[in-house]
Amino acid sequence: MLGLALATLLSACARTQPDSPIAEDGQIFISHEHASSSFAPVELRGGWRFAWGQWIAPAQASSISGTLSVPGTWNSFSHEGKAVGGQGQGTYALKVLCDPGDKLAFSIPSQRSMLRLFVNGELLVEQGELGVSS
């Protein structure tokens, strides 16, 4: 089982499998067939958990109640009764499940913002620093 918590969105890969799974409520299952299918990437799209204005650690990601469709923007996400707009910070979280013994790899395109990628609760990749202003 893989768990991800991101401070920003992972971009989609250029060529994806046509019958790729879609995330629902912050979780996606990548079957053995998808994991071994000619190394074609599986786009991590669908309903990710999202928390506006805060960093949520991977161990607490299941407590996040908001969801956003990925790929997409958070601009129209409603927080305290109004849209958040294009600037700010938030946590995207997606639990990636796979069959026992399957090995997954991640392609992380260059980001123009901060990100942290956790796998099984451990920090794998970090880019940039979380700021409090733009």
C-alpha atoms as a PDB file:
ATOM      1  CA  MET A   1       0.000   0.000   0.000  1.00  0.00           C
ATOM      2  CA  LEU A   2       1.314   3.429  -0.937  1.00  0.00           C
ATOM      3  CA  GLY A   3       0.187   6.660   0.633  1.00  0.00           C
ATOM      4  CA  LEU A   4       0.739  10.080  -0.868  1.00  0.00           C
ATOM      5  CA  ALA A   5       0.305  13.527   0.528  1.00  0.00           C
ATOM      6  CA  LEU A   6       1.156  16.399  -1.718  1.00  0.00           C
ATOM      7  CA  ALA A   7       1.368  20.110  -1.116  1.00  0.00           C
ATOM      8  CA  THR A   8       0.692  20.588  -4.813  1.00  0.00           C
ATOM      9  CA  LEU A   9      -0.722  18.750  -7.773  1.00  0.00           C
ATOM     10  CA  LEU A  10       1.120  16.074  -9.717  1.00  0.00           C
ATOM     11  CA  SER A  11       0.800  16.775 -13.418  1.00  0.00           C
ATOM     12  CA  ALA A  12      -0.497  14.163 -15.826  1.00  0.00           C
ATOM     13  CA  CYS A  13       1.780  12.042 -17.966  1.00  0.00           C
ATOM     14  CA  ALA A  14       1.684  12.481 -21.735  1.00  0.00           C
ATOM     15  CA  ARG A  15       0.629   8.933 -22.684  1.00  0.00           C
ATOM     16  CA  THR A  16      -1.688   7.087 -20.351  1.00  0.00           C
ATOM     17  CA  GLN A  17      -3.603   3.834 -20.502  1.00  0.00           C
ATOM     18  CA  PRO A  18      -7.104   4.305 -21.958  1.00  0.00           C
ATOM     19  CA  ASP A  19      -8.811   2.210 -19.244  1.00  0.00           C
ATOM     20  CA  SER A  20      -6.816   3.663 -16.339  1.00  0.00           C
ATOM     21  CA  PRO A  21      -8.432   3.573 -12.906  1.00  0.00           C
ATOM     22  CA  ILE A  22      -9.918   6.787 -11.517  1.00  0.00           C
ATOM     23  CA  ALA A  23      -9.419   7.970  -7.937  1.00  0.00           C
ATOM     24  CA  GLU A  24     -12.501   8.272  -5.738  1.00  0.00           C
ATOM     25  CA  ASP A  25     -12.584   9.997  -2.347  1.00  0.00           C
ATOM     26  CA  GLY A  26      -8.801  10.154  -2.107  1.00  0.00           C
ATOM     27  CA  GLN A  27      -8.023   6.558  -3.073  1.00  0.00           C
ATOM     28  CA  ILE A  28      -7.026   4.731  -6.250  1.00  0.00           C
ATOM     29  CA  PHE A  29      -6.294   1.043  -6.876  1.00  0.00           C
ATOM     30  CA  ILE A  30      -3.720   0.209  -9.543  1.00  0.00           C
ATOM     31  CA  SER A  31      -4.210  -3.434 -10.488  1.00  0.00           C
ATOM     32  CA  HIS A  32      -1.436  -5.799 -11.527  1.00  0.00           C
ATOM     33  CA  GLU A  33      -2.637  -5.463 -15.145  1.00  0.00           C
ATOM     34  CA  HIS A  34      -2.242  -1.673 -15.055  1.00  0.00           C
ATOM     35  CA  ALA A  35       1.061  -1.802 -13.167  1.00  0.00           C
ATOM     36  CA  SER A  36       2.670  -4.151 -15.702  1.00  0.00           C
ATOM     37  CA  SER A  37       1.004  -2.955 -18.915  1.00  0.00           C
ATOM     38  CA  SER A  38       3.990  -2.148 -21.161  1.00  0.00           C
ATOM     39  CA  PHE A  39       5.143   0.500 -18.693  1.00  0.00           C
ATOM     40  CA  ALA A  40       2.404   2.857 -19.885  1.00  0.00           C
ATOM     41  CA  PRO A  41       1.834   5.411 -17.133  1.00  0.00           C
ATOM     42  CA  VAL A  42      -1.306   5.460 -15.046  1.00  0.00           C
ATOM     43  CA  GLU A  43      -2.494   9.024 -14.605  1.00  0.00           C
ATOM     44  CA  LEU A  44      -3.420   9.668 -10.972  1.00  0.00           C
ATOM     45  CA  ARG A  45      -6.665  11.441 -11.859  1.00  0.00           C
ATOM     46  CA  GLY A  46     -10.015  11.692 -10.212  1.00  0.00           C
ATOM     47  CA  GLY A  47     -11.143  12.678  -6.728  1.00  0.00           C
ATOM     48  CA  TRP A  48      -8.223  13.544  -4.454  1.00  0.00           C
ATOM     49  CA  ARG A  49      -8.671  14.684  -0.854  1.00  0.00           C
ATOM     50  CA  PHE A  50      -7.916  18.380  -0.459  1.00  0.00           C
ATOM     51  CA  ALA A  51      -7.388  20.653   2.541  1.00  0.00           C
ATOM     52  CA  TRP A  52      -7.217  24.387   1.858  1.00  0.00           C
ATOM     53  CA  GLY A  53      -4.690  26.609   3.625  1.00  0.00           C
ATOM     54  CA  GLN A  54      -2.919  23.941   5.630  1.00  0.00           C
ATOM     55  CA  TRP A  55      -0.310  21.195   5.527  1.00  0.00           C
ATOM     56  CA  ILE A  56      -1.686  17.813   6.574  1.00  0.00           C
ATOM     57  CA  ALA A  57       0.793  15.038   7.386  1.00  0.00           C
ATOM     58  CA  PRO A  58       0.282  11.668   5.646  1.00  0.00           C
ATOM     59  CA  ALA A  59      -0.824   9.959   8.873  1.00  0.00           C
ATOM     60  CA  GLN A  60      -3.746  12.406   9.152  1.00  0.00           C
ATOM     61  CA  ALA A  61      -4.694  12.465   5.450  1.00  0.00           C
ATOM     62  CA  SER A  62      -7.764  10.296   6.019  1.00  0.00           C
ATOM     63  CA  SER A  63      -9.227  13.110   8.149  1.00  0.00           C
ATOM     64  CA  ILE A  64      -9.347  15.490   5.170  1.00  0.00           C
ATOM     65  CA  SER A  65     -12.997  15.968   4.222  1.00  0.00           C
ATOM     66  CA  GLY A  66     -12.689  18.097   1.074  1.00  0.00           C
ATOM     67  CA  THR A  67     -12.163  16.635  -2.387  1.00  0.00           C
ATOM     68  CA  LEU A  68     -11.051  18.083  -5.721  1.00  0.00           C
ATOM     69  CA  SER A  69     -10.961  16.656  -9.209  1.00  0.00           C
ATOM     70  CA  VAL A  70      -7.429  16.150 -10.532  1.00  0.00           C
ATOM     71  CA  PRO A  71      -6.200  17.333 -12.946  1.00  0.00           C
ATOM     72  CA  GLY A  72      -7.741  20.700 -12.264  1.00  0.00           C
ATOM     73  CA  THR A  73      -7.337  23.832 -10.208  1.00  0.00           C
ATOM     74  CA  TRP A  74      -8.426  24.762  -6.725  1.00  0.00           C
ATOM     75  CA  ASN A  75      -9.643  28.228  -7.799  1.00  0.00           C
ATOM     76  CA  SER A  76     -13.340  27.470  -7.275  1.00  0.00           C
ATOM     77  CA  PHE A  77     -12.866  25.323  -4.139  1.00  0.00           C
ATOM     78  CA  SER A  78     -15.155  26.735  -1.452  1.00  0.00           C
ATOM     79  CA  HIS A  79     -13.632  27.537   1.947  1.00  0.00           C
ATOM     80  CA  GLU A  80     -15.660  29.392   4.574  1.00  0.00           C
ATOM     81  CA  GLY A  81     -18.354  30.078   1.988  1.00  0.00           C
ATOM     82  CA  LYS A  82     -16.242  31.608  -0.784  1.00  0.00           C
ATOM     83  CA  ALA A  83     -13.993  30.491  -3.633  1.00  0.00           C
ATOM     84  CA  VAL A  84     -10.313  30.416  -2.640  1.00  0.00           C
ATOM     85  CA  GLY A  85      -8.913  31.823  -5.901  1.00  0.00           C
ATOM     86  CA  GLY A  86      -5.614  31.010  -7.547  1.00  0.00           C
ATOM     87  CA  GLN A  87      -3.089  31.771  -4.797  1.00  0.00           C
ATOM     88  CA  GLY A  88      -2.523  30.106  -1.469  1.00  0.00           C
ATOM     89  CA  GLN A  89      -1.552  26.722  -0.161  1.00  0.00           C
ATOM     90  CA  GLY A  90      -3.218  23.409   0.404  1.00  0.00           C
ATOM     91  CA  THR A  91      -2.684  19.696   0.770  1.00  0.00           C
ATOM     92  CA  TYR A  92      -3.640  17.198  -1.906  1.00  0.00           C
ATOM     93  CA  ALA A  93      -3.747  13.610  -0.657  1.00  0.00           C
ATOM     94  CA  LEU A  94      -4.175  10.354  -2.552  1.00  0.00           C
ATOM     95  CA  LYS A  95      -3.768   6.819  -1.222  1.00  0.00           C
ATOM     96  CA  VAL A  96      -2.430   4.588  -3.996  1.00  0.00           C
ATOM     97  CA  LEU A  97      -3.154   0.880  -3.495  1.00  0.00           C
ATOM     98  CA  CYS A  98      -1.678  -1.937  -5.571  1.00  0.00           C
ATOM     99  CA  ASP A  99      -1.525  -5.727  -5.603  1.00  0.00           C
ATOM    100  CA  PRO A 100       1.002  -7.304  -3.205  1.00  0.00           C
ATOM    101  CA  GLY A 101       4.420  -7.623  -4.834  1.00  0.00           C
ATOM    102  CA  ASP A 102       3.757  -5.007  -7.526  1.00  0.00           C
ATOM    103  CA  LYS A 103       6.304  -2.232  -7.783  1.00  0.00           C
ATOM    104  CA  LEU A 104       5.307   1.237  -8.885  1.00  0.00           C
ATOM    105  CA  ALA A 105       7.407   4.163 -10.070  1.00  0.00           C
ATOM    106  CA  PHE A 106       6.505   7.836 -10.198  1.00  0.00           C
ATOM    107  CA  SER A 107       7.246  10.363 -12.901  1.00  0.00           C
ATOM    108  CA  ILE A 108       7.107  13.799 -11.328  1.00  0.00           C
ATOM    109  CA  PRO A 109       7.189  16.644 -13.845  1.00  0.00           C
ATOM    110  CA  SER A 110       8.845  19.895 -12.846  1.00  0.00           C
ATOM    111  CA  GLN A 111       6.636  21.949 -10.530  1.00  0.00           C
ATOM    112  CA  ARG A 112       6.503  25.702 -10.152  1.00  0.00           C
ATOM    113  CA  SER A 113       5.535  25.403  -6.525  1.00  0.00           C
ATOM    114  CA  MET A 114       6.395  23.431  -3.425  1.00  0.00           C
ATOM    115  CA  LEU A 115       5.682  19.707  -3.169  1.00  0.00           C
ATOM    116  CA  ARG A 116       6.335  16.798  -0.858  1.00  0.00           C
ATOM    117  CA  LEU A 117       5.762  13.216  -1.990  1.00  0.00           C
ATOM    118  CA  PHE A 118       5.383  10.557   0.702  1.00  0.00           C
ATOM    119  CA  VAL A 119       5.416   6.809   0.072  1.00  0.00           C
ATOM    120  CA  ASN A 120       4.324   4.544   2.925  1.00  0.00           C
ATOM    121  CA  GLY A 121       4.537   7.524   5.272  1.00  0.00           C
ATOM    122  CA  GLU A 122       8.134   8.393   4.407  1.00  0.00           C
ATOM    123  CA  LEU A 123       9.266  11.494   2.527  1.00  0.00           C
ATOM    124  CA  LEU A 124      10.503  10.438  -0.924  1.00  0.00           C
ATOM    125  CA  VAL A 125      10.765  13.761  -2.786  1.00  0.00           C
ATOM    126  CA  GLU A 126      10.691  17.373  -1.664  1.00  0.00           C
ATOM    127  CA  GLN A 127      10.854  20.454  -3.861  1.00  0.00           C
ATOM    128  CA  GLY A 128      10.843  24.035  -2.632  1.00  0.00           C
ATOM    129  CA  GLU A 129       9.750  25.349   0.746  1.00  0.00           C
ATOM    130  CA  LEU A 130       6.299  26.106   2.083  1.00  0.00           C
ATOM    131  CA  GLY A 131       5.858  29.872   2.196  1.00  0.00           C
ATOM    132  CA  VAL A 132       3.327  32.018   3.993  1.00  0.00           C
ATOM    133  CA  SER A 133       3.067  34.685   1.285  1.00  0.00           C
ATOM    134  CA  SER A 134       3.479  34.854  -2.481  1.00  0.00           C
END
